[in-house]
Amino acid sequence: MESKSLYGVLADVEKWNTDLENFQYSLFHLREWVESVSTPTLQPIYIDLYEGEIKIGKIAGLVIIKKGWVNKKYLFFYSGPSLIDNSELIAEKCLNALVAFAKENRYISLQCTPLDSKMHATYNTCNLRKITYNEYIIRFDDSFNDFKPGQSLKKKLHLAGRVDTQFCSSANPIKDLDLMLQLMNITKNKRTEHSRSNYNPFSLKFVTAESLSKLIKTGKGKIYHALNNGEIHFVTLSLENGKQAYGLYNGTNEFGYKNGIPGFMAFMLSQYYNNNGFEYFNLGASLDNKEDDFHLSNFKKQVGCVPYPVFTIKSDYLIYPYKALIAARKSKRLFK
């Protein structure tokens, strides 16, 4: 079919999550996630993507409104489209449909970050810029059953066992969220001491303490912690729906670092998800800087993760007169 048959329409919000289950979907397209990060200038948007009369994808995110003499609108999504079928062809068609929607509705540009993306295949990005990352995922299949902790993880498990560490699901998640935020600041200070000056504890765009609290209250944000002699030294927050889980944030203190508790909790959480019939546990990608990528990817591999390529997708300006700025810049470079 010709590209003009590819288009997007605003979706029925009330039926959004139910319909999403029919697609290979990102957890970051859930209505609860999108509405948790929304504000008056970050408005939720839900789009169904079509080829002719056939719905081939869905995507949810935010309309960024920059107010001025003329209000400017941008589209931001935490993940690329959720697909009816995970193939290169469907991925390309969904992106074309999304670009067509953005142009028709006068959005200046669009961006999709790669969180929990199901678009793993290499595909044509329809003249969009593509940046490749790896997300680190534990899949609960035969490969997980064959996983054996390496020496580094075994050491962490031994250290945590020596101080009688217990894995617990939070009975008071809002209170534990406050503690996690305190512990995240300790983590930030520790990583800054080790010269990782760009470390940002709130690595996901537009996420705040308030948005995480809203997410927990929807029931999609789940808190777990480590208990040692009645004291909590590690707290972690996951985004969960159905049988899918994504690790969002965690924090620990000096006691936790010394006693291997981050490794212990990642291992125990993966065991918990496996025992409860989950399909996967996505520990995410480090998007801040190359040094963090190196440290975190090694840790994730130790606990059984396999890297999967995912993509940040960005457009240049999509509509005039802004699009003319791109042409002007290219012309200026040409005649330098």
Protein backbone atom coordinates (compact mmCIF):
# COMPACT_ATOMS: atom_id res chain seq x y z
CA MET A 1 0.00 0.00 0.00
CA GLU A 2 1.09 3.59 -0.48
CA SER A 3 2.34 5.54 2.53
CA LYS A 4 -0.77 7.79 2.44
CA SER A 5 -2.74 4.79 3.74
CA LEU A 6 -0.68 4.95 6.93
CA TYR A 7 -2.10 7.30 9.53
CA GLY A 8 -2.83 7.79 13.22
CA VAL A 9 -6.00 8.77 15.08
CA LEU A 10 -6.68 9.73 18.67
CA ALA A 11 -7.68 6.60 20.59
CA ASP A 12 -10.50 5.85 23.02
CA VAL A 13 -8.78 6.55 26.34
CA GLU A 14 -11.24 4.51 28.42
CA LYS A 15 -10.51 1.37 26.39
CA TRP A 16 -6.79 2.08 25.99
CA ASN A 17 -5.24 -0.43 28.41
CA THR A 18 -7.64 -3.22 27.43
CA ASP A 19 -6.86 -2.77 23.73
CA LEU A 20 -3.12 -2.50 24.47
CA GLU A 21 -3.16 -6.13 25.63
CA ASN A 22 -3.77 -7.14 21.98
CA PHE A 23 -0.37 -5.71 21.01
CA GLN A 24 3.27 -6.35 21.89
CA TYR A 25 3.34 -3.37 24.17
CA SER A 26 5.72 -1.28 26.20
CA LEU A 27 4.85 -0.81 29.87
CA PHE A 28 5.47 2.89 29.29
CA HIS A 29 2.38 3.04 27.06
CA LEU A 30 0.13 2.17 29.99
CA ARG A 31 -2.37 4.86 30.87
CA GLU A 32 -1.21 4.82 34.52
CA TRP A 33 2.38 5.64 33.53
CA VAL A 34 1.48 8.40 31.08
CA GLU A 35 -0.91 10.09 33.49
CA SER A 36 1.56 9.86 36.38
CA VAL A 37 4.03 12.12 34.52
CA SER A 38 1.44 14.48 33.04
CA THR A 39 1.17 18.15 34.09
CA PRO A 40 -0.63 21.19 32.64
CA THR A 41 2.20 21.60 30.10
CA LEU A 42 2.74 17.85 29.59
CA GLN A 43 -0.58 16.55 28.34
CA PRO A 44 -1.30 12.82 27.81
CA ILE A 45 -1.93 11.63 24.27
CA TYR A 46 -3.08 8.19 23.06
CA ILE A 47 -2.77 7.32 19.37
CA ASP A 48 -3.90 4.31 17.34
CA LEU A 49 -1.80 3.67 14.22
CA TYR A 50 -3.44 2.31 11.07
CA GLU A 51 -2.68 0.85 7.68
CA GLY A 52 -5.92 1.37 5.79
CA GLU A 53 -8.65 -0.04 8.03
CA ILE A 54 -6.25 -2.28 10.03
CA LYS A 55 -4.90 -1.14 13.38
CA ILE A 56 -1.20 -2.06 13.35
CA GLY A 57 0.13 -0.23 16.40
CA LYS A 58 -0.50 1.99 19.39
CA ILE A 59 1.55 4.64 21.15
CA ALA A 60 0.96 6.83 24.20
CA GLY A 61 2.99 9.73 25.50
CA LEU A 62 3.00 13.44 26.15
CA VAL A 63 2.24 16.61 24.25
CA ILE A 64 4.86 19.13 25.35
CA ILE A 65 3.44 22.64 25.18
CA LYS A 66 5.86 25.57 25.12
CA LYS A 67 3.91 28.76 25.58
CA GLY A 68 4.85 32.00 23.88
CA TRP A 69 3.54 34.43 21.29
CA VAL A 70 2.56 31.27 19.42
CA ASN A 71 2.21 28.07 21.45
CA LYS A 72 4.50 25.29 20.18
CA LYS A 73 3.59 21.59 20.45
CA TYR A 74 5.98 18.65 20.50
CA LEU A 75 5.35 14.90 20.85
CA PHE A 76 7.32 12.88 23.39
CA PHE A 77 7.02 9.12 23.94
CA TYR A 78 8.91 6.94 26.39
CA SER A 79 8.97 4.08 23.86
CA GLY A 80 8.49 3.44 20.18
CA PRO A 81 5.12 2.10 19.01
CA SER A 82 3.58 -1.05 20.46
CA LEU A 83 3.18 -3.42 17.51
CA ILE A 84 0.51 -5.86 16.35
CA ASP A 85 3.41 -7.97 15.05
CA ASN A 86 7.11 -7.54 15.88
CA SER A 87 8.49 -7.34 12.35
CA GLU A 88 10.61 -4.81 10.51
CA LEU A 89 7.79 -4.05 8.09
CA ILE A 90 5.21 -3.35 10.80
CA ALA A 91 7.72 -1.21 12.74
CA GLU A 92 8.43 0.90 9.65
CA LYS A 93 4.73 1.31 8.87
CA CYS A 94 3.95 2.35 12.45
CA LEU A 95 6.66 5.02 12.36
CA ASN A 96 5.37 6.32 9.03
CA ALA A 97 1.85 6.45 10.47
CA LEU A 98 3.14 8.33 13.54
CA VAL A 99 4.99 10.89 11.41
CA ALA A 100 1.87 11.38 9.28
CA PHE A 101 -0.19 11.99 12.44
CA ALA A 102 2.35 14.51 13.77
CA LYS A 103 2.43 16.48 10.52
CA GLU A 104 -1.33 16.50 10.08
CA ASN A 105 -1.84 17.80 13.61
CA ARG A 106 0.91 20.44 13.40
CA TYR A 107 3.38 19.02 15.91
CA ILE A 108 6.80 20.57 15.45
CA SER A 109 8.80 17.40 16.16
CA LEU A 110 8.63 14.03 17.87
CA GLN A 111 10.86 11.86 20.02
CA CYS A 112 10.59 8.24 21.22
CA THR A 113 12.99 7.05 23.93
CA PRO A 114 13.67 3.28 24.04
CA LEU A 115 12.08 2.17 27.32
CA ASP A 116 10.75 -1.40 27.27
CA SER A 117 10.51 -1.15 23.49
CA LYS A 118 9.33 -4.19 21.53
CA MET A 119 10.97 -2.85 18.35
CA HIS A 120 14.13 -4.98 18.56
CA ALA A 121 14.57 -5.56 14.83
CA THR A 122 16.72 -3.35 12.61
CA TYR A 123 14.37 -1.20 10.59
CA ASN A 124 14.18 1.86 8.38
CA THR A 125 13.41 4.89 10.55
CA CYS A 126 11.68 6.88 7.81
CA ASN A 127 14.30 9.68 7.81
CA LEU A 128 14.17 9.85 11.61
CA ARG A 129 17.42 9.88 13.57
CA LYS A 130 18.11 6.66 15.45
CA ILE A 131 20.42 6.11 18.44
CA THR A 132 20.98 2.52 19.54
CA TYR A 133 21.18 1.39 23.19
CA ASN A 134 20.95 -1.97 24.91
CA GLU A 135 18.29 -2.78 27.45
CA TYR A 136 19.15 -5.63 29.81
CA ILE A 137 16.36 -8.16 30.21
CA ILE A 138 15.89 -11.38 32.17
CA ARG A 139 13.47 -13.63 30.31
CA PHE A 140 11.88 -16.36 32.39
CA ASP A 141 12.31 -19.25 29.98
CA ASP A 142 14.67 -22.21 29.72
CA SER A 143 17.68 -19.90 29.52
CA PHE A 144 16.83 -18.48 32.96
CA ASN A 145 16.47 -21.94 34.45
CA ASP A 146 19.99 -22.69 33.20
CA PHE A 147 21.42 -19.45 34.65
CA LYS A 148 24.08 -19.90 37.32
CA PRO A 149 25.37 -16.92 39.36
CA GLY A 150 29.00 -16.04 38.64
CA GLN A 151 31.63 -15.58 41.31
CA SER A 152 30.96 -11.85 41.73
CA LEU A 153 27.22 -12.38 42.32
CA LYS A 154 27.90 -15.39 44.57
CA LYS A 155 30.09 -13.15 46.72
CA LYS A 156 27.30 -10.56 47.00
CA LEU A 157 24.78 -13.26 47.93
CA HIS A 158 27.16 -14.59 50.58
CA LEU A 159 27.72 -11.11 52.05
CA ALA A 160 23.97 -10.41 52.16
CA GLY A 161 23.29 -13.80 53.74
CA ARG A 162 25.89 -13.18 56.41
CA VAL A 163 23.89 -10.18 57.70
CA ASP A 164 20.54 -12.04 57.48
CA THR A 165 19.12 -9.99 54.58
CA GLN A 166 15.43 -10.57 53.85
CA PHE A 167 13.62 -9.81 50.61
CA CYS A 168 10.26 -8.12 51.30
CA SER A 169 7.35 -6.72 49.33
CA SER A 170 6.48 -3.33 50.83
CA ALA A 171 3.46 -3.09 53.10
CA ASN A 172 3.72 0.73 53.11
CA PRO A 173 4.94 1.73 49.63
CA ILE A 174 4.46 5.51 49.95
CA LYS A 175 6.55 5.57 53.11
CA ASP A 176 9.13 3.35 51.46
CA LEU A 177 9.17 5.66 48.43
CA ASP A 178 10.28 8.52 50.69
CA LEU A 179 13.06 6.31 52.04
CA MET A 180 14.07 5.27 48.52
CA LEU A 181 14.41 8.93 47.50
CA GLN A 182 16.69 9.53 50.50
CA LEU A 183 18.76 6.49 49.58
CA MET A 184 18.94 7.63 45.95
CA ASN A 185 20.65 10.79 47.14
CA ILE A 186 23.21 8.65 48.97
CA THR A 187 23.73 6.70 45.74
CA LYS A 188 24.15 9.96 43.84
CA ASN A 189 26.80 11.20 46.29
CA LYS A 190 28.65 7.88 46.16
CA ARG A 191 28.74 7.80 42.37
CA THR A 192 29.81 11.44 42.22
CA GLU A 193 32.72 10.57 44.53
CA HIS A 194 33.78 7.96 41.97
CA SER A 195 34.01 10.68 39.28
CA ARG A 196 30.66 9.88 37.63
CA SER A 197 29.81 13.57 37.73
CA ASN A 198 26.92 13.30 35.24
CA TYR A 199 24.98 10.77 37.30
CA ASN A 200 21.33 11.78 37.55
CA PRO A 201 19.17 9.74 39.97
CA PHE A 202 16.01 10.76 38.04
CA SER A 203 17.31 9.49 34.72
CA LEU A 204 13.88 9.28 33.06
CA LYS A 205 12.61 12.52 31.56
CA PHE A 206 9.81 14.36 33.42
CA VAL A 207 9.87 11.89 36.33
CA THR A 208 9.62 13.45 39.80
CA ALA A 209 8.96 12.30 43.35
CA GLU A 210 5.34 13.36 42.85
CA SER A 211 4.94 11.36 39.63
CA LEU A 212 6.35 8.22 41.30
CA SER A 213 3.91 8.65 44.17
CA LYS A 214 1.04 8.91 41.67
CA LEU A 215 2.26 5.76 39.90
CA ILE A 216 2.38 3.77 43.14
CA LYS A 217 -1.16 4.84 44.02
CA THR A 218 -2.41 3.40 40.70
CA GLY A 219 -1.10 -0.03 41.72
CA LYS A 220 1.27 -0.27 38.73
CA GLY A 221 4.28 0.93 40.73
CA LYS A 222 5.49 -1.76 43.17
CA ILE A 223 8.00 -1.28 45.99
CA TYR A 224 10.30 -3.99 47.40
CA HIS A 225 12.94 -3.63 50.09
CA ALA A 226 15.71 -5.46 51.93
CA LEU A 227 15.35 -5.92 55.67
CA ASN A 228 18.24 -6.44 58.08
CA ASN A 229 17.42 -6.70 61.77
CA GLY A 230 14.26 -4.67 61.25
CA GLU A 231 16.07 -1.92 59.30
CA ILE A 232 15.69 -1.12 55.60
CA HIS A 233 18.94 -0.52 53.72
CA PHE A 234 17.75 -0.96 50.13
CA VAL A 235 14.52 0.02 48.35
CA THR A 236 13.57 -0.64 44.72
CA LEU A 237 10.61 0.40 42.57
CA SER A 238 9.28 -1.59 39.59
CA LEU A 239 6.65 -0.82 36.97
CA GLU A 240 4.49 -3.93 36.61
CA ASN A 241 1.51 -4.99 34.54
CA GLY A 242 0.26 -8.49 33.84
CA LYS A 243 3.38 -10.62 33.57
CA GLN A 244 5.80 -7.83 32.60
CA ALA A 245 8.12 -5.93 34.96
CA TYR A 246 10.53 -3.01 34.49
CA GLY A 247 12.98 -1.86 37.18
CA LEU A 248 12.64 1.90 37.53
CA TYR A 249 14.70 3.14 40.48
CA ASN A 250 16.46 1.94 43.59
CA GLY A 251 18.55 3.32 46.40
CA THR A 252 20.83 1.94 49.07
CA ASN A 253 23.27 3.14 51.71
CA GLU A 254 26.82 2.29 52.79
CA PHE A 255 25.63 -0.79 54.66
CA GLY A 256 23.90 -2.01 51.51
CA TYR A 257 26.97 -1.49 49.32
CA LYS A 258 29.31 -3.21 51.79
CA ASN A 259 27.04 -6.23 52.14
CA GLY A 260 26.17 -6.85 48.49
CA ILE A 261 22.50 -6.02 48.95
CA PRO A 262 21.87 -4.50 45.46
CA GLY A 263 23.01 -7.78 43.86
CA PHE A 264 21.06 -9.84 46.40
CA MET A 265 17.85 -7.88 45.73
CA ALA A 266 18.17 -8.07 41.94
CA PHE A 267 18.65 -11.83 42.24
CA MET A 268 15.78 -12.28 44.69
CA LEU A 269 13.43 -10.07 42.67
CA SER A 270 14.13 -12.13 39.55
CA GLN A 271 13.38 -15.29 41.54
CA TYR A 272 10.15 -13.70 42.80
CA TYR A 273 9.05 -12.80 39.26
CA ASN A 274 9.94 -16.24 37.93
CA ASN A 275 7.99 -17.97 40.72
CA ASN A 276 4.97 -15.76 39.98
CA GLY A 277 4.81 -16.56 36.29
CA PHE A 278 6.23 -13.32 34.84
CA GLU A 279 7.47 -13.30 31.25
CA TYR A 280 10.41 -10.97 31.82
CA PHE A 281 12.12 -8.49 34.13
CA ASN A 282 13.62 -5.54 32.26
CA LEU A 283 16.43 -3.86 34.20
CA GLY A 284 16.60 -1.09 31.63
CA ALA A 285 19.48 0.75 29.97
CA SER A 286 21.82 3.32 31.39
CA LEU A 287 21.30 6.45 29.30
CA ASP A 288 23.44 8.98 31.18
CA ASN A 289 27.06 8.45 30.16
CA LYS A 290 29.45 5.79 28.92
CA GLU A 291 31.03 5.15 32.30
CA ASP A 292 27.65 4.43 33.91
CA ASP A 293 26.81 2.23 30.92
CA PHE A 294 29.92 0.15 31.60
CA HIS A 295 29.34 -0.27 35.34
CA LEU A 296 25.61 -0.95 35.14
CA SER A 297 25.71 -3.26 32.12
CA ASN A 298 28.29 -5.46 33.86
CA PHE A 299 26.13 -5.63 36.98
CA LYS A 300 23.03 -6.52 34.94
CA LYS A 301 24.84 -9.30 33.10
CA GLN A 302 25.93 -10.75 36.45
CA VAL A 303 22.32 -11.20 37.55
CA GLY A 304 21.30 -12.97 34.34
CA CYS A 305 20.32 -10.19 31.92
CA VAL A 306 20.75 -10.49 28.17
CA PRO A 307 21.28 -7.26 26.16
CA TYR A 308 18.66 -6.39 23.51
CA PRO A 309 19.11 -3.49 21.07
CA VAL A 310 16.55 -0.69 21.38
CA PHE A 311 16.41 2.75 19.83
CA THR A 312 15.86 6.39 20.66
CA ILE A 313 14.12 7.98 17.68
CA LYS A 314 14.13 11.72 16.99
CA SER A 315 12.74 13.78 14.15
CA ASP A 316 13.96 17.08 12.80
CA TYR A 317 11.32 19.77 12.43
CA LEU A 318 8.32 18.25 10.69
CA ILE A 319 6.31 21.30 9.62
CA TYR A 320 6.82 24.74 8.12
CA PRO A 321 8.04 27.34 8.90
CA TYR A 322 10.27 25.42 11.35
CA LYS A 323 11.25 22.88 8.70
CA ALA A 324 12.75 25.71 6.66
CA LEU A 325 15.30 26.25 9.44
CA ILE A 326 16.81 22.83 8.74
CA ALA A 327 17.17 23.64 5.04
CA ALA A 328 18.75 27.00 5.90
CA ARG A 329 21.29 25.39 8.21
CA LYS A 330 22.24 22.79 5.61
CA SER A 331 22.62 25.51 3.00
CA LYS A 332 24.81 27.55 5.36
CA ARG A 333 27.11 24.57 5.97
CA LEU A 334 27.29 23.88 2.24
CA PHE A 335 28.57 27.35 1.40
CA LYS A 336 31.06 27.66 4.26
